[in-house]
Amino acid sequence: MQDMTGHERRALGTVAVTGGAGFIGSHLVQALLAEGNRVRIIDNFDSYYQGKEANLLAVRDHPALTLDRTDILDTQALSRSFEAVDVVFHLAAQPGVRFSFENREKTRSVNVDGTRSVLEAASAAGARRLVFASSSSVYGLLETLPVSERQVPKPISPYGQSKIEGEHLLNDFYASGRIETVALRLFSVFGPRQRPDMAGTRFLQRLTSSAAPLVTGDGMQTRDFTYVEDVARAFVAAARSERAAGDALNIGTGRESTLKRFLSLIVDFLGLKDSAVEHTRSGEGEPGRMRCDARRAEHALDWRATVGLPEGLRKQVDWWVNEFMPDEERRLFQQRMTKSHV
């Protein structure tokens, strides 16, 4: 099998994916299985959101897949899950910038103590490398755009703080020679299977139930929306690249889009002529603008984002309509969508 540059891709061997039943994790699992890897999912199916089992429907019977319902804070159980593992992808986390302000203890416990537990178990098991899902939230309020890895992280939320502390733990383990590490700072990931608390899913839930979507602030805040399958490719590349060892890399498109445009594309793909909008107060800990400088990842990983916002959102809308709408409503929506794009 070849990568996007035409080079032959070798299987990584046996890999473990913490949080492998989640939004990004399930896409990563599919990518890893498609390459011929043996994959172990470690996921505790936390009650933060329901329906994660459905994320694995396409792969649950795959002969190279095993699932351990294990909490990353249980180091002994992790040690058993990591036996003979070559690479660990650490995506398990307590997500949510807003959630973190009201749940500081849980956010820190899962994202900092949990990351330490994963690092200890992975290094003790002899894993070669650990790739960590960090976040653009580590940067806080941006001084310049696009933001590069040269900007000193100044997180303004407990979530962002927990992610930079996770990166510091990776640095400690890497510097002491215990395990190779790579941190990927992800920028506004979207696509099929997106979590219920994220903007795209929230908009789809309300628009397909005839409710006005809730937009924080005036909708002119910007994000670097990055398609989930591009992100999965970045994780796989980070497991292979020698140039990436010990580094923290931005994973984004380098393009800036407003939340208003993000919503308008969803409305268009649903075949709606227009939609009333309700505005809510801007969330605490959310920057007004965000755009990524991904040149370092392009060099270190031979990676770049390939799916644009319209293409990726169309896939997310199709997923939502097919998964969550009753048959008759789905038929009517699909007719309307077809007519609106003739």
Protein backbone atom coordinates (compact mmCIF):
# COMPACT_ATOMS: atom_id res chain seq x y z
CA MET A 1 0.00 0.00 0.00
CA GLN A 2 1.26 3.49 -0.85
CA ASP A 3 0.97 6.86 0.88
CA MET A 4 -0.05 10.14 -0.76
CA THR A 5 3.51 10.71 -2.00
CA GLY A 6 3.66 7.32 -3.72
CA HIS A 7 6.00 5.72 -1.17
CA GLU A 8 5.37 2.20 0.05
CA ARG A 9 3.75 2.06 3.49
CA ARG A 10 4.90 -0.63 5.90
CA ALA A 11 2.61 -1.86 8.64
CA LEU A 12 3.58 -0.57 12.07
CA GLY A 13 2.96 -3.96 13.71
CA THR A 14 0.84 -4.16 16.84
CA VAL A 15 -0.51 -0.79 17.93
CA ALA A 16 -2.69 0.43 20.78
CA VAL A 17 -5.14 3.30 20.50
CA THR A 18 -6.41 4.79 23.75
CA GLY A 19 -9.76 6.43 23.16
CA GLY A 20 -10.08 4.31 20.03
CA ALA A 21 -13.89 4.28 20.18
CA GLY A 22 -14.09 8.06 20.08
CA PHE A 23 -14.57 10.50 17.23
CA ILE A 24 -10.98 10.81 16.03
CA GLY A 25 -9.87 7.51 17.52
CA SER A 26 -12.34 5.42 15.53
CA HIS A 27 -11.15 6.98 12.25
CA LEU A 28 -7.56 6.31 13.26
CA VAL A 29 -8.41 2.68 14.04
CA GLN A 30 -9.91 2.25 10.56
CA ALA A 31 -6.82 3.75 8.93
CA LEU A 32 -4.52 1.49 10.93
CA LEU A 33 -6.49 -1.65 10.13
CA ALA A 34 -6.56 -0.74 6.44
CA GLU A 35 -2.74 -0.75 6.48
CA GLY A 36 -2.57 -4.25 7.91
CA ASN A 37 -1.76 -3.42 11.53
CA ARG A 38 -2.96 -5.36 14.56
CA VAL A 39 -4.94 -2.86 16.64
CA ARG A 40 -5.90 -2.84 20.30
CA ILE A 41 -8.47 -0.30 21.38
CA ILE A 42 -8.35 0.87 25.00
CA ASP A 43 -11.52 2.78 25.89
CA ASN A 44 -13.60 3.02 29.07
CA PHE A 45 -16.72 4.32 27.24
CA ASP A 46 -17.05 7.20 29.67
CA SER A 47 -20.55 8.62 30.13
CA TYR A 48 -19.43 12.08 28.90
CA TYR A 49 -21.27 11.17 25.72
CA GLN A 50 -23.28 8.19 24.54
CA GLY A 51 -23.19 6.20 21.30
CA LYS A 52 -19.48 5.47 20.98
CA GLU A 53 -20.19 1.80 20.28
CA ALA A 54 -21.69 2.87 16.94
CA ASN A 55 -18.35 4.39 15.95
CA LEU A 56 -16.89 0.89 15.72
CA LEU A 57 -19.63 -0.82 13.74
CA ALA A 58 -17.56 -0.88 10.55
CA VAL A 59 -14.60 -2.63 12.22
CA ARG A 60 -15.87 -4.47 15.29
CA ASP A 61 -15.60 -7.91 13.65
CA HIS A 62 -12.20 -7.29 12.09
CA PRO A 63 -9.88 -10.22 12.91
CA ALA A 64 -6.95 -7.89 13.67
CA LEU A 65 -8.90 -5.82 16.21
CA THR A 66 -9.25 -6.31 19.96
CA LEU A 67 -11.12 -4.08 22.39
CA ASP A 68 -10.16 -3.61 26.04
CA ARG A 69 -12.72 -1.74 28.15
CA THR A 70 -10.04 -0.24 30.33
CA ASP A 71 -9.58 3.08 32.10
CA ILE A 72 -6.27 4.80 31.36
CA LEU A 73 -5.91 5.59 35.08
CA ASP A 74 -5.64 1.85 35.74
CA THR A 75 -1.91 1.38 35.09
CA GLN A 76 -1.94 -2.36 35.80
CA ALA A 77 -4.69 -2.98 33.25
CA LEU A 78 -2.88 -0.75 30.76
CA SER A 79 0.29 -2.79 31.19
CA ARG A 80 -1.59 -5.91 30.11
CA SER A 81 -3.13 -4.07 27.13
CA PHE A 82 0.27 -2.76 26.03
CA GLU A 83 2.05 -6.13 26.02
CA ALA A 84 4.05 -6.58 22.80
CA VAL A 85 2.78 -3.25 21.43
CA ASP A 86 5.08 -1.37 19.07
CA VAL A 87 3.31 2.03 19.00
CA VAL A 88 0.79 3.68 21.31
CA PHE A 89 -1.58 6.36 20.03
CA HIS A 90 -2.85 8.25 23.07
CA LEU A 91 -6.18 9.94 22.25
CA ALA A 92 -8.13 9.13 25.42
CA ALA A 93 -8.98 12.39 27.19
CA GLN A 94 -11.61 14.42 28.93
CA PRO A 95 -12.52 16.87 26.13
CA GLY A 96 -14.33 20.18 26.26
CA VAL A 97 -13.03 23.68 26.93
CA ARG A 98 -16.32 24.76 28.52
CA PHE A 99 -16.68 21.50 30.43
CA SER A 100 -13.22 21.99 31.93
CA PHE A 101 -14.15 25.20 33.76
CA GLU A 102 -16.82 23.41 35.77
CA ASN A 103 -15.00 20.08 36.00
CA ARG A 104 -11.40 21.02 36.65
CA GLU A 105 -10.60 18.01 38.81
CA LYS A 106 -11.82 15.43 36.29
CA THR A 107 -10.15 17.26 33.39
CA ARG A 108 -6.81 17.26 35.18
CA SER A 109 -7.14 13.70 36.44
CA VAL A 110 -7.87 12.20 33.02
CA ASN A 111 -5.68 14.43 30.89
CA VAL A 112 -2.62 14.77 33.11
CA ASP A 113 -2.63 11.80 35.48
CA GLY A 114 -4.03 9.61 32.69
CA THR A 115 -1.29 10.66 30.29
CA ARG A 116 1.36 9.90 32.91
CA SER A 117 -0.21 6.47 33.43
CA VAL A 118 -0.18 5.78 29.67
CA LEU A 119 3.44 6.88 29.34
CA GLU A 120 4.54 4.73 32.27
CA ALA A 121 2.73 1.64 31.00
CA ALA A 122 3.87 2.12 27.39
CA SER A 123 7.51 2.63 28.30
CA ALA A 124 7.49 -0.31 30.72
CA ALA A 125 6.01 -2.52 27.99
CA GLY A 126 8.82 -1.56 25.61
CA ALA A 127 6.71 0.36 23.09
CA ARG A 128 8.87 2.18 20.56
CA ARG A 129 6.86 5.39 20.26
CA LEU A 130 3.86 7.22 21.69
CA VAL A 131 1.87 9.73 19.63
CA PHE A 132 -0.22 12.11 21.74
CA ALA A 133 -3.37 14.05 20.82
CA SER A 134 -2.71 17.57 22.03
CA SER A 135 -4.75 20.63 21.07
CA SER A 136 -4.59 24.13 19.64
CA SER A 137 -6.11 25.13 23.00
CA VAL A 138 -2.58 25.14 24.42
CA TYR A 139 -1.94 28.47 22.65
CA GLY A 140 -4.70 30.51 24.31
CA LEU A 141 -5.31 33.99 22.89
CA LEU A 142 -3.18 34.35 19.80
CA GLU A 143 -0.70 37.17 19.39
CA THR A 144 -0.11 36.58 15.67
CA LEU A 145 -1.70 34.54 12.88
CA PRO A 146 -1.06 31.99 11.62
CA VAL A 147 0.13 30.46 14.87
CA SER A 148 3.31 28.41 14.66
CA GLU A 149 4.93 26.13 17.19
CA ARG A 150 7.35 28.97 17.98
CA GLN A 151 4.61 30.79 19.90
CA VAL A 152 4.90 30.12 23.62
CA PRO A 153 1.77 28.27 24.82
CA LYS A 154 -0.38 30.37 27.15
CA PRO A 155 -3.54 28.32 27.73
CA ILE A 156 -6.58 30.17 29.06
CA SER A 157 -8.70 27.15 29.98
CA PRO A 158 -8.19 24.19 32.31
CA TYR A 159 -8.49 21.96 29.25
CA GLY A 160 -5.69 23.77 27.42
CA GLN A 161 -3.57 23.73 30.57
CA SER A 162 -4.06 19.98 30.94
CA LYS A 163 -2.92 19.40 27.36
CA ILE A 164 0.28 21.42 27.72
CA GLU A 165 1.03 19.57 30.96
CA GLY A 166 0.57 16.35 29.01
CA GLU A 167 3.13 17.60 26.49
CA HIS A 168 5.56 18.36 29.32
CA LEU A 169 5.23 14.77 30.51
CA LEU A 170 6.03 13.55 26.98
CA ASN A 171 9.13 15.76 26.95
CA ASP A 172 10.30 14.28 30.27
CA PHE A 173 9.91 10.69 29.08
CA TYR A 174 11.58 11.44 25.75
CA ALA A 175 14.50 13.32 27.31
CA SER A 176 15.16 10.46 29.72
CA GLY A 177 15.22 7.94 26.86
CA ARG A 178 12.24 5.96 28.11
CA ILE A 179 10.16 6.22 24.93
CA GLU A 180 10.02 8.22 21.71
CA THR A 181 7.17 10.75 21.73
CA VAL A 182 5.35 13.05 19.30
CA ALA A 183 2.59 15.52 20.21
CA LEU A 184 0.08 16.65 17.61
CA ARG A 185 -1.69 19.94 18.30
CA LEU A 186 -5.03 19.45 16.59
CA PHE A 187 -7.03 22.35 15.16
CA SER A 188 -10.88 22.18 15.17
CA VAL A 189 -11.42 18.64 13.90
CA PHE A 190 -14.74 17.95 12.14
CA GLY A 191 -16.37 15.19 10.12
CA PRO A 192 -18.50 12.05 10.55
CA ARG A 193 -18.91 10.73 14.13
CA GLN A 194 -18.20 14.14 15.62
CA ARG A 195 -18.98 14.34 19.34
CA PRO A 196 -22.45 15.63 20.33
CA ASP A 197 -20.98 18.65 22.13
CA MET A 198 -19.13 19.96 19.07
CA ALA A 199 -20.43 22.70 16.78
CA GLY A 200 -21.16 20.66 13.66
CA THR A 201 -23.18 18.03 15.49
CA ARG A 202 -25.05 20.63 17.55
CA PHE A 203 -26.02 22.51 14.40
CA LEU A 204 -27.18 19.32 12.68
CA GLN A 205 -29.21 18.20 15.69
CA ARG A 206 -31.18 21.42 15.77
CA LEU A 207 -31.51 22.02 12.03
CA THR A 208 -32.92 18.53 11.40
CA SER A 209 -35.42 18.92 14.24
CA SER A 210 -36.70 22.31 12.99
CA ALA A 211 -34.98 24.23 15.79
CA ALA A 212 -32.85 27.32 15.35
CA PRO A 213 -29.13 26.56 15.71
CA LEU A 214 -27.38 28.16 18.66
CA VAL A 215 -24.37 30.26 17.69
CA THR A 216 -21.95 31.52 20.31
CA GLY A 217 -21.19 35.21 19.95
CA ASP A 218 -21.77 36.84 16.58
CA GLY A 219 -20.55 33.86 14.56
CA MET A 220 -17.61 35.78 13.13
CA GLN A 221 -15.03 33.97 15.26
CA THR A 222 -12.73 31.91 13.07
CA ARG A 223 -11.30 28.41 13.28
CA ASP A 224 -8.95 26.27 11.22
CA PHE A 225 -11.39 23.44 10.51
CA THR A 226 -9.50 20.19 9.83
CA TYR A 227 -11.14 17.07 8.43
CA VAL A 228 -10.94 13.99 10.64
CA GLU A 229 -9.49 11.61 8.04
CA ASP A 230 -6.66 14.06 7.38
CA VAL A 231 -6.01 14.08 11.12
CA ALA A 232 -5.95 10.26 11.23
CA ARG A 233 -3.33 10.29 8.46
CA ALA A 234 -1.22 12.69 10.51
CA PHE A 235 -1.22 10.30 13.47
CA VAL A 236 -0.06 7.41 11.29
CA ALA A 237 2.66 9.56 9.74
CA ALA A 238 3.79 10.68 13.20
CA ALA A 239 4.30 7.06 14.22
CA ARG A 240 6.74 6.57 11.32
CA SER A 241 8.66 9.81 10.96
CA GLU A 242 12.16 9.96 12.41
CA ARG A 243 12.15 13.73 11.98
CA ALA A 244 9.15 14.08 14.30
CA ALA A 245 10.63 12.35 17.36
CA GLY A 246 10.45 14.55 20.46
CA ASP A 247 8.50 17.29 18.69
CA ALA A 248 5.11 19.00 19.02
CA LEU A 249 3.46 19.73 15.66
CA ASN A 250 0.46 21.75 14.51
CA ILE A 251 -2.09 19.75 12.53
CA GLY A 252 -4.37 22.03 10.54
CA THR A 253 -5.11 23.37 7.08
CA GLY A 254 -3.67 26.87 7.30
CA ARG A 255 -7.07 28.26 6.29
CA GLU A 256 -9.32 30.40 8.45
CA SER A 257 -13.14 30.15 8.26
CA THR A 258 -15.84 31.82 10.31
CA LEU A 259 -18.35 29.86 12.34
CA LYS A 260 -21.02 31.68 10.31
CA ARG A 261 -19.68 30.16 7.07
CA PHE A 262 -19.41 26.75 8.72
CA LEU A 263 -23.10 26.92 9.62
CA SER A 264 -24.18 28.31 6.24
CA LEU A 265 -22.55 25.37 4.45
CA ILE A 266 -24.46 22.90 6.64
CA VAL A 267 -27.72 24.74 5.94
CA ASP A 268 -26.98 24.61 2.21
CA PHE A 269 -26.11 20.89 2.22
CA LEU A 270 -29.34 20.11 4.07
CA GLY A 271 -31.23 21.80 1.23
CA LEU A 272 -32.61 24.51 3.49
CA LYS A 273 -33.16 27.93 1.97
CA ASP A 274 -32.33 29.68 5.21
CA SER A 275 -32.43 29.20 8.95
CA ALA A 276 -33.18 31.41 11.89
CA VAL A 277 -30.28 31.62 14.33
CA GLU A 278 -30.19 32.12 18.08
CA HIS A 279 -27.09 33.74 19.52
CA THR A 280 -25.64 32.87 22.91
CA ARG A 281 -22.86 34.41 24.96
CA SER A 282 -19.33 33.66 23.77
CA GLY A 283 -17.76 30.79 25.65
CA GLU A 284 -15.10 31.33 28.29
CA GLY A 285 -11.64 30.30 27.18
CA GLU A 286 -12.38 30.53 23.45
CA PRO A 287 -10.10 32.64 21.21
CA GLY A 288 -11.69 35.00 18.69
CA ARG A 289 -9.53 33.84 15.79
CA MET A 290 -7.49 30.76 14.98
CA ARG A 291 -5.36 29.79 12.00
CA CYS A 292 -2.61 27.22 11.91
CA ASP A 293 0.88 27.31 10.44
CA ALA A 294 1.31 23.63 9.53
CA ARG A 295 4.59 23.90 7.63
CA ARG A 296 6.54 22.11 10.34
CA ALA A 297 4.22 19.09 10.12
CA GLU A 298 4.45 19.15 6.33
CA HIS A 299 8.23 18.88 6.62
CA ALA A 300 8.44 16.42 9.52
CA LEU A 301 5.59 14.12 8.46
CA ASP A 302 5.36 14.58 4.68
CA TRP A 303 1.75 15.43 5.48
CA ARG A 304 -0.72 18.10 4.52
CA ALA A 305 -4.49 18.47 4.79
CA THR A 306 -6.25 17.50 1.57
CA VAL A 307 -9.97 17.78 2.37
CA GLY A 308 -11.46 21.27 2.32
CA LEU A 309 -14.28 22.55 4.49
CA PRO A 310 -17.12 22.19 1.91
CA GLU A 311 -16.12 18.64 0.94
CA GLY A 312 -15.69 17.52 4.52
CA LEU A 313 -18.91 19.10 5.75
CA ARG A 314 -20.86 17.45 2.94
CA LYS A 315 -19.56 14.09 4.21
CA GLN A 316 -20.52 14.99 7.77
CA VAL A 317 -24.04 16.01 6.74
CA ASP A 318 -24.48 12.80 4.72
CA TRP A 319 -23.35 10.77 7.74
CA TRP A 320 -25.79 12.55 10.02
CA VAL A 321 -28.77 12.16 7.69
CA ASN A 322 -28.06 8.47 7.11
CA GLU A 323 -27.42 7.63 10.76
CA PHE A 324 -29.95 9.65 12.71
CA MET A 325 -32.95 10.52 10.58
CA PRO A 326 -36.02 8.22 10.28
CA ASP A 327 -36.41 6.63 6.86
CA GLU A 328 -39.21 8.87 5.57
CA GLU A 329 -37.61 12.08 6.83
CA ARG A 330 -34.28 10.97 5.36
CA ARG A 331 -35.91 10.32 1.98
CA LEU A 332 -37.43 13.80 1.93
CA PHE A 333 -34.18 15.42 3.00
CA GLN A 334 -32.21 13.55 0.36
CA GLN A 335 -34.68 14.63 -2.32
CA ARG A 336 -34.34 18.23 -1.18
CA MET A 337 -30.55 17.97 -1.06
CA THR A 338 -30.45 16.55 -4.59
CA LYS A 339 -32.67 19.32 -5.96
CA SER A 340 -30.68 22.04 -4.24
CA HIS A 341 -27.45 20.86 -5.89
CA VAL A 342 -28.65 20.16 -9.42
